[in-house]
Amino acid sequence: MAKKIMAMVDRFSDLPEPILIHILSMLPDGKDVVRSSVLSKRWRFLWRYVPISLDFSFPEDTYLGLPESGELEILDFVNSTHRELLYWRSGQKIRKFNVVVNFSVPERFDKDIDLWVYFATKKADVEDFTLECLSGYKLPQFAFKSPSLRNLNLQYCKLKLEPSVNVNWSNLVSLSVGYVKLTEGVMRKILPGCPNLECLLLDFIWGFDRLEISNVKLKKLTINSYETSECDVWLEILAPHIQNLELLGYSSGIRLRNVAALVTAFFRIDFQFDFGEVDRLEKNEISCLKELLHSVAHVKNLELSHWCIKCMSTLALEGFQYQPSSSRFLKLHTNYEELDLPGICSFIQNSSNIETLIIDWHHQDRGVLGNANEIDDGCR
């Protein structure tokens, strides 16, 4: 049995070195890559040529919010992270670097996080960097200049730029920013500093009411929950080059000013609910949807959530006439309620170019399957 195992190892080791390096690069953690050196003498130094991934995550349930309960665990996490980064300081290519710190009192540890960010953006020149700091860590100014970055994910990080600092994320392809206050001034600096940006995700954001995107290569924009304390404040989006738009989550209102190149749109948004202003809320919902549908009447692919169906039914019952839609692909999500039928039928009747129609409804008793004939009967 032992001879058979050795034979298998030998055959595997006979593979060309580039293939072995590629196989090792598929391992999710850099430590596993190093451990592979014990498999064979030929593998002993291969790990040095493998782009690796590093993941430093502080378990969220370890720290309960009380300094005395989590102090030792935090110190252990910080010290172990420093030790491991010292191990990788030799200059080996680090492809992916994740840091997730969920403790809520990081002020005394800001300098430590600064060192990790410096390692990622200046020392190791990583391509894929995720930084999640639950307490609102302020991203240092030097991190805004890192041409090696291709994918950047910042969660709960404060983004503030000094007047003299210009952003240089020249090779960035994908940017995700979440749970943060953004200003129009910060966005005006970030976007020009990302000339190769293709995908932008803004997740639970607030602090600005205008987003102007002139990046020619940026094709996909996703906004998941735009928050504001003022019900009448809408986020205005000007993005003449984007082709794919997703509006998700809760919002106080979104207005599209220039989306001429848009091909695909998906609306799955709902409004921030204020029990004291129900009538006003409903007017905002309907007004927002009317504007959104008008702005995307030219798209080829359109997907609408149950919230949209609900508002469309209200408009249909009031006699509102939709602008004819050019959509060839239409997908509608509904909760299988009778009041959804006027909205569904009215919109379909104004979509004469449809080639593919999907009605995805859900009912607590029937699951996701329903009877298409009932929809058909309601349209007659």
Protein backbone atom coordinates (compact mmCIF):
# COMPACT_ATOMS: atom_id res chain seq x y z
CA MET A 1 0.00 0.00 0.00
CA ALA A 2 2.82 2.38 0.91
CA LYS A 3 4.54 1.72 -2.44
CA LYS A 4 1.33 2.56 -4.31
CA ILE A 5 1.00 5.86 -2.43
CA MET A 6 4.63 6.76 -3.16
CA ALA A 7 4.08 5.95 -6.83
CA MET A 8 1.10 8.28 -6.96
CA VAL A 9 3.11 11.08 -5.35
CA ASP A 10 5.95 10.54 -7.80
CA ARG A 11 3.63 10.73 -10.80
CA PHE A 12 2.11 13.91 -9.47
CA SER A 13 5.55 15.41 -8.89
CA ASP A 14 6.55 14.61 -12.47
CA LEU A 15 4.21 17.31 -13.72
CA PRO A 16 5.88 20.39 -15.24
CA GLU A 17 6.76 23.06 -12.71
CA PRO A 18 4.38 25.71 -14.14
CA ILE A 19 1.47 23.27 -13.69
CA LEU A 20 2.50 22.49 -10.11
CA ILE A 21 2.69 26.21 -9.32
CA HIS A 22 -0.73 26.72 -10.85
CA ILE A 23 -2.17 23.89 -8.73
CA LEU A 24 -0.68 25.36 -5.57
CA SER A 25 -2.08 28.79 -6.44
CA MET A 26 -5.57 27.29 -6.15
CA LEU A 27 -5.12 26.70 -2.41
CA PRO A 28 -7.18 29.24 -0.43
CA ASP A 29 -4.59 30.04 2.25
CA GLY A 30 -0.90 30.86 2.05
CA LYS A 31 -0.17 28.57 5.01
CA ASP A 32 -1.45 25.59 3.03
CA VAL A 33 0.89 26.50 0.18
CA VAL A 34 3.88 26.42 2.53
CA ARG A 35 2.77 23.12 4.07
CA SER A 36 2.86 21.54 0.61
CA SER A 37 6.67 21.66 0.72
CA VAL A 38 6.71 18.46 2.80
CA LEU A 39 5.08 16.44 0.02
CA SER A 40 8.24 16.02 -2.01
CA LYS A 41 11.81 17.29 -2.24
CA ARG A 42 10.94 18.76 -5.60
CA TRP A 43 8.15 20.76 -3.95
CA ARG A 44 10.39 22.11 -1.20
CA PHE A 45 10.82 25.61 -2.62
CA LEU A 46 7.92 25.83 -5.06
CA TRP A 47 5.83 27.81 -2.56
CA ARG A 48 8.15 30.79 -3.05
CA TYR A 49 6.87 31.20 -6.62
CA VAL A 50 3.16 30.89 -5.86
CA PRO A 51 0.97 34.02 -5.54
CA ILE A 52 -0.76 33.46 -2.22
CA SER A 53 -3.86 34.60 -0.35
CA LEU A 54 -3.77 35.83 3.25
CA ASP A 55 -6.85 36.03 5.45
CA PHE A 56 -6.84 37.64 8.90
CA SER A 57 -10.30 37.60 10.43
CA PHE A 58 -11.13 38.33 14.05
CA PRO A 59 -14.14 36.18 15.05
CA GLU A 60 -17.14 38.39 15.69
CA ASP A 61 -18.39 36.31 18.62
CA THR A 62 -15.03 36.46 20.41
CA TYR A 63 -15.44 40.05 21.51
CA LEU A 64 -18.70 40.96 23.24
CA GLY A 65 -18.21 44.73 23.42
CA LEU A 66 -16.75 44.79 26.94
CA PRO A 67 -13.03 45.67 27.10
CA GLU A 68 -12.33 43.24 29.92
CA SER A 69 -13.94 40.33 28.05
CA GLY A 70 -12.10 40.70 24.77
CA GLU A 71 -8.83 42.49 25.51
CA LEU A 72 -6.63 39.39 25.54
CA GLU A 73 -8.25 37.97 22.41
CA ILE A 74 -7.73 41.25 20.54
CA LEU A 75 -4.08 41.47 21.58
CA ASP A 76 -3.52 37.87 20.54
CA PHE A 77 -5.12 38.53 17.13
CA VAL A 78 -3.05 41.69 16.57
CA ASN A 79 0.24 40.07 17.60
CA SER A 80 -0.33 36.92 15.56
CA THR A 81 -1.16 39.02 12.49
CA HIS A 82 2.07 41.01 12.91
CA ARG A 83 4.09 37.79 13.25
CA GLU A 84 2.64 36.26 10.12
CA LEU A 85 3.18 39.41 8.05
CA LEU A 86 6.81 39.42 9.16
CA TYR A 87 7.04 35.90 7.80
CA TRP A 88 5.77 37.04 4.39
CA ARG A 89 7.88 40.20 4.21
CA SER A 90 10.43 38.52 1.90
CA GLY A 91 8.68 39.90 -1.15
CA GLN A 92 6.71 36.87 -2.31
CA LYS A 93 3.75 37.80 -4.48
CA ILE A 94 0.56 38.12 -2.42
CA ARG A 95 -2.45 38.08 -4.68
CA LYS A 96 -5.24 38.45 -2.12
CA PHE A 97 -5.24 40.04 1.33
CA ASN A 98 -8.27 40.08 3.65
CA VAL A 99 -8.46 41.84 7.01
CA VAL A 100 -11.68 41.65 9.03
CA VAL A 101 -11.61 43.22 12.50
CA ASN A 102 -14.93 43.09 14.33
CA PHE A 103 -13.93 44.51 17.70
CA SER A 104 -15.66 47.81 18.46
CA VAL A 105 -12.96 49.78 20.31
CA PRO A 106 -10.06 49.92 17.85
CA GLU A 107 -8.66 53.40 18.60
CA ARG A 108 -5.62 52.03 20.39
CA PHE A 109 -5.13 49.53 17.56
CA ASP A 110 -5.39 52.01 14.67
CA LYS A 111 -1.61 52.08 14.28
CA ASP A 112 -1.57 48.31 13.98
CA ILE A 113 -4.21 48.38 11.26
CA ASP A 114 -2.23 51.15 9.56
CA LEU A 115 0.72 48.76 9.34
CA TRP A 116 -1.43 46.04 7.79
CA VAL A 117 -2.85 48.46 5.23
CA TYR A 118 0.66 49.70 4.45
CA PHE A 119 1.81 46.12 3.95
CA ALA A 120 -1.05 45.46 1.53
CA THR A 121 -0.90 48.67 -0.50
CA LYS A 122 2.80 49.57 -0.41
CA LYS A 123 4.93 46.60 0.60
CA ALA A 124 3.22 43.57 -0.94
CA ASP A 125 1.38 45.36 -3.77
CA VAL A 126 -1.64 43.07 -3.49
CA GLU A 127 -4.21 42.97 -6.27
CA ASP A 128 -7.27 41.97 -4.23
CA PHE A 129 -7.71 43.75 -0.88
CA THR A 130 -10.62 43.52 1.57
CA LEU A 131 -10.69 45.67 4.72
CA GLU A 132 -13.62 45.47 7.11
CA CYS A 133 -13.43 47.43 10.37
CA LEU A 134 -16.66 47.39 12.30
CA SER A 135 -15.89 50.46 14.39
CA GLY A 136 -15.19 52.90 11.56
CA TYR A 137 -11.44 52.88 10.95
CA LYS A 138 -10.18 55.88 8.96
CA LEU A 139 -8.36 54.77 5.83
CA PRO A 140 -4.89 56.40 5.84
CA GLN A 141 -4.02 58.85 3.10
CA PHE A 142 -1.22 56.69 1.68
CA ALA A 143 -3.73 53.92 0.88
CA PHE A 144 -5.37 56.12 -1.76
CA LYS A 145 -2.26 55.67 -3.90
CA SER A 146 -1.87 52.00 -4.77
CA PRO A 147 -1.62 51.26 -8.51
CA SER A 148 -1.34 47.50 -7.91
CA LEU A 149 -4.94 47.15 -6.68
CA ARG A 150 -7.43 45.51 -9.01
CA ASN A 151 -10.23 44.63 -6.59
CA LEU A 152 -10.89 46.72 -3.48
CA ASN A 153 -13.55 46.08 -0.84
CA LEU A 154 -13.88 48.59 2.02
CA GLN A 155 -16.53 48.06 4.70
CA TYR A 156 -17.19 50.40 7.66
CA CYS A 157 -14.10 52.44 6.77
CA LYS A 158 -14.11 56.24 6.92
CA LEU A 159 -13.04 57.75 3.61
CA LYS A 160 -11.72 61.28 4.02
CA LEU A 161 -9.23 62.88 1.66
CA GLU A 162 -6.97 65.79 2.42
CA PRO A 163 -7.10 68.57 -0.20
CA SER A 164 -3.56 67.84 -1.39
CA VAL A 165 -4.15 64.10 -1.88
CA ASN A 166 -5.14 62.70 -5.26
CA VAL A 167 -6.38 59.15 -5.68
CA ASN A 168 -4.25 56.75 -7.73
CA TRP A 169 -6.00 53.41 -8.11
CA SER A 170 -5.07 53.32 -11.78
CA ASN A 171 -5.52 49.55 -12.25
CA LEU A 172 -8.61 49.13 -10.11
CA VAL A 173 -11.33 47.15 -11.88
CA SER A 174 -13.83 46.57 -9.08
CA LEU A 175 -14.61 48.84 -6.10
CA SER A 176 -17.01 47.97 -3.28
CA VAL A 177 -17.71 50.46 -0.49
CA GLY A 178 -20.19 49.77 2.28
CA TYR A 179 -21.63 51.07 5.55
CA VAL A 180 -20.04 54.48 5.27
CA LYS A 181 -20.85 58.15 4.93
CA LEU A 182 -19.68 59.45 1.56
CA THR A 183 -19.52 63.02 0.37
CA GLU A 184 -19.84 64.28 -3.16
CA GLY A 185 -16.34 65.73 -2.85
CA VAL A 186 -14.81 62.36 -1.94
CA MET A 187 -16.55 60.65 -4.85
CA ARG A 188 -15.34 63.38 -7.21
CA LYS A 189 -11.78 62.49 -6.21
CA ILE A 190 -12.11 58.71 -6.10
CA LEU A 191 -13.76 58.11 -9.48
CA PRO A 192 -11.25 60.06 -11.64
CA GLY A 193 -8.50 58.16 -9.82
CA CYS A 194 -9.91 54.86 -11.13
CA PRO A 195 -9.72 55.20 -14.95
CA ASN A 196 -10.04 51.42 -15.49
CA LEU A 197 -12.93 50.86 -13.09
CA GLU A 198 -15.58 48.50 -14.51
CA CYS A 199 -17.79 47.66 -11.50
CA LEU A 200 -18.89 49.91 -8.62
CA LEU A 201 -20.89 48.66 -5.63
CA LEU A 202 -22.18 51.11 -3.01
CA ASP A 203 -23.69 49.26 -0.07
CA PHE A 204 -25.62 51.05 2.73
CA ILE A 205 -24.33 54.54 2.01
CA TRP A 206 -25.38 58.06 2.99
CA GLY A 207 -24.08 61.63 3.13
CA PHE A 208 -24.45 62.81 -0.50
CA ASP A 209 -27.27 63.35 -2.97
CA ARG A 210 -25.48 63.40 -6.33
CA LEU A 211 -23.39 60.70 -8.01
CA GLU A 212 -21.79 61.68 -11.30
CA ILE A 213 -19.88 58.92 -13.09
CA SER A 214 -17.96 59.86 -16.22
CA ASN A 215 -15.66 56.80 -16.27
CA VAL A 216 -15.89 55.41 -19.79
CA LYS A 217 -15.00 51.84 -18.75
CA LEU A 218 -17.41 51.65 -15.82
CA LYS A 219 -20.19 49.36 -17.06
CA LYS A 220 -21.90 48.09 -13.90
CA LEU A 221 -23.30 50.12 -11.00
CA THR A 222 -24.98 48.55 -7.98
CA ILE A 223 -26.50 50.57 -5.16
CA ASN A 224 -27.81 48.64 -2.18
CA SER A 225 -29.67 50.93 0.23
CA TYR A 226 -29.21 54.67 0.04
CA GLU A 227 -30.09 56.22 3.40
CA THR A 228 -30.95 59.76 4.43
CA SER A 229 -32.74 61.36 7.36
CA GLU A 230 -34.76 63.59 5.01
CA CYS A 231 -37.65 61.94 3.18
CA ASP A 232 -37.59 64.46 0.31
CA VAL A 233 -33.88 64.04 -0.49
CA TRP A 234 -33.28 61.84 -3.54
CA LEU A 235 -30.01 60.51 -4.87
CA GLU A 236 -29.42 61.85 -8.36
CA ILE A 237 -27.35 59.60 -10.65
CA LEU A 238 -25.65 60.77 -13.83
CA ALA A 239 -23.89 57.84 -15.50
CA PRO A 240 -23.90 58.05 -19.32
CA HIS A 241 -21.64 55.03 -19.88
CA ILE A 242 -22.99 52.34 -17.55
CA GLN A 243 -24.70 49.36 -19.18
CA ASN A 244 -25.86 47.42 -16.12
CA LEU A 245 -27.71 49.02 -13.18
CA GLU A 246 -28.97 47.39 -10.00
CA LEU A 247 -30.93 49.34 -7.37
CA LEU A 248 -31.47 47.24 -4.26
CA GLY A 249 -32.54 47.57 -0.64
CA TYR A 250 -34.08 50.61 1.06
CA SER A 251 -33.99 54.14 -0.27
CA SER A 252 -35.50 57.56 0.21
CA GLY A 253 -35.63 58.01 -3.56
CA ILE A 254 -33.35 57.68 -6.58
CA ARG A 255 -33.46 59.73 -9.76
CA LEU A 256 -31.68 58.77 -13.00
CA ARG A 257 -30.62 61.77 -15.07
CA ASN A 258 -28.46 60.33 -17.83
CA VAL A 259 -28.23 56.58 -18.42
CA ALA A 260 -28.36 56.56 -22.21
CA ALA A 261 -26.06 53.53 -22.62
CA LEU A 262 -28.00 51.37 -20.16
CA VAL A 263 -28.86 47.87 -21.42
CA THR A 264 -29.93 46.02 -18.27
CA ALA A 265 -31.77 47.35 -15.21
CA PHE A 266 -32.89 45.56 -12.05
CA PHE A 267 -35.00 47.40 -9.46
CA ARG A 268 -35.47 45.74 -6.09
CA ILE A 269 -35.79 48.73 -3.81
CA ASP A 270 -38.17 49.69 -1.04
CA PHE A 271 -38.67 52.92 0.83
CA GLN A 272 -37.59 53.88 4.32
CA PHE A 273 -40.79 53.49 6.30
CA ASP A 274 -42.05 56.27 8.56
CA PHE A 275 -45.33 55.43 10.29
CA GLY A 276 -46.05 59.13 10.79
CA GLU A 277 -45.97 59.94 7.07
CA VAL A 278 -47.65 57.02 5.31
CA ASP A 279 -49.46 59.14 2.71
CA ARG A 280 -46.34 61.12 1.93
CA LEU A 281 -44.34 57.91 1.69
CA GLU A 282 -46.75 56.42 -0.84
CA LYS A 283 -46.55 59.54 -3.00
CA ASN A 284 -42.76 59.35 -2.95
CA GLU A 285 -42.83 55.67 -3.91
CA ILE A 286 -45.11 56.22 -6.87
CA SER A 287 -43.29 59.35 -8.02
CA CYS A 288 -39.92 57.59 -7.79
CA LEU A 289 -41.09 54.56 -9.76
CA LYS A 290 -42.67 56.70 -12.49
CA GLU A 291 -39.37 58.51 -12.99
CA LEU A 292 -37.32 55.31 -12.89
CA LEU A 293 -39.48 53.52 -15.46
CA HIS A 294 -39.39 56.56 -17.72
CA SER A 295 -35.57 56.71 -17.45
CA VAL A 296 -35.11 53.04 -18.40
CA ALA A 297 -37.79 52.75 -21.10
CA HIS A 298 -35.01 52.14 -23.65
CA VAL A 299 -33.28 49.19 -21.91
CA LYS A 300 -33.31 45.73 -23.48
CA ASN A 301 -33.43 43.77 -20.21
CA LEU A 302 -35.61 44.80 -17.28
CA GLU A 303 -36.28 43.11 -13.94
CA LEU A 304 -38.74 44.51 -11.39
CA SER A 305 -39.41 43.49 -7.79
CA HIS A 306 -42.73 43.13 -5.98
CA TRP A 307 -42.43 46.69 -4.68
CA CYS A 308 -42.44 47.91 -8.28
CA ILE A 309 -45.46 45.73 -9.12
CA LYS A 310 -47.34 47.15 -6.14
CA CYS A 311 -46.68 50.74 -7.23
CA MET A 312 -47.50 49.94 -10.86
CA SER A 313 -50.88 48.56 -9.78
CA THR A 314 -51.66 51.80 -7.97
CA LEU A 315 -50.73 53.76 -11.08
CA ALA A 316 -52.78 51.47 -13.33
CA LEU A 317 -55.88 51.85 -11.16
CA GLU A 318 -55.45 55.64 -11.38
CA GLY A 319 -55.38 55.42 -15.18
CA PHE A 320 -51.69 56.24 -15.60
CA GLN A 321 -50.29 55.39 -19.06
CA TYR A 322 -46.73 54.07 -19.13
CA GLN A 323 -44.25 55.18 -21.73
CA PRO A 324 -43.84 52.24 -24.17
CA SER A 325 -40.98 50.00 -23.08
CA SER A 326 -38.33 48.69 -25.50
CA SER A 327 -37.48 45.72 -23.29
CA ARG A 328 -37.05 42.37 -25.01
CA PHE A 329 -36.44 40.53 -21.74
CA LEU A 330 -38.81 41.23 -18.85
CA LYS A 331 -38.81 39.53 -15.45
CA LEU A 332 -41.42 40.42 -12.84
CA HIS A 333 -41.38 39.29 -9.21
CA THR A 334 -44.72 39.13 -7.41
CA ASN A 335 -46.07 37.85 -4.10
CA TYR A 336 -49.09 36.33 -5.84
CA GLU A 337 -51.56 38.93 -4.64
CA GLU A 338 -54.69 39.81 -6.61
CA LEU A 339 -53.87 43.51 -6.43
CA ASP A 340 -50.65 42.84 -8.36
CA LEU A 341 -52.56 41.96 -11.54
CA PRO A 342 -53.41 45.50 -12.75
CA GLY A 343 -49.75 46.53 -12.58
CA ILE A 344 -48.49 43.40 -14.32
CA CYS A 345 -51.05 43.53 -17.11
CA SER A 346 -50.74 47.26 -17.71
CA PHE A 347 -46.96 47.12 -18.01
CA ILE A 348 -46.99 44.08 -20.31
CA GLN A 349 -49.51 45.78 -22.60
CA ASN A 350 -47.06 48.68 -22.98
CA SER A 351 -44.12 46.38 -23.75
CA SER A 352 -44.73 45.30 -27.33
CA ASN A 353 -41.11 44.23 -27.99
CA ILE A 354 -40.97 41.49 -25.37
CA GLU A 355 -39.36 38.26 -26.56
CA THR A 356 -38.88 36.65 -23.13
CA LEU A 357 -41.29 37.12 -20.23
CA ILE A 358 -40.73 35.59 -16.80
CA ILE A 359 -43.24 36.07 -14.00
CA ASP A 360 -41.68 34.79 -10.81
CA TRP A 361 -44.31 34.72 -8.10
CA HIS A 362 -44.22 33.43 -4.59
CA HIS A 363 -47.09 32.42 -2.34
CA GLN A 364 -46.66 31.10 1.19
CA ASP A 365 -48.96 28.17 0.39
CA ARG A 366 -47.74 27.41 -3.15
CA GLY A 367 -44.07 28.31 -2.96
CA VAL A 368 -42.59 29.81 -6.11
CA LEU A 369 -44.95 27.93 -8.46
CA GLY A 370 -48.28 29.42 -9.46
CA ASN A 371 -50.83 29.14 -12.24
CA ALA A 372 -49.98 31.19 -15.31
CA ASN A 373 -53.62 30.96 -16.45
CA GLU A 374 -54.68 33.15 -13.52
CA ILE A 375 -52.36 35.89 -14.73
CA ASP A 376 -53.71 35.43 -18.24
CA ASP A 377 -57.33 35.64 -17.05
CA GLY A 378 -56.60 38.85 -15.18
CA CYS A 379 -55.27 40.49 -18.34
CA ARG A 380 -58.37 39.83 -20.40
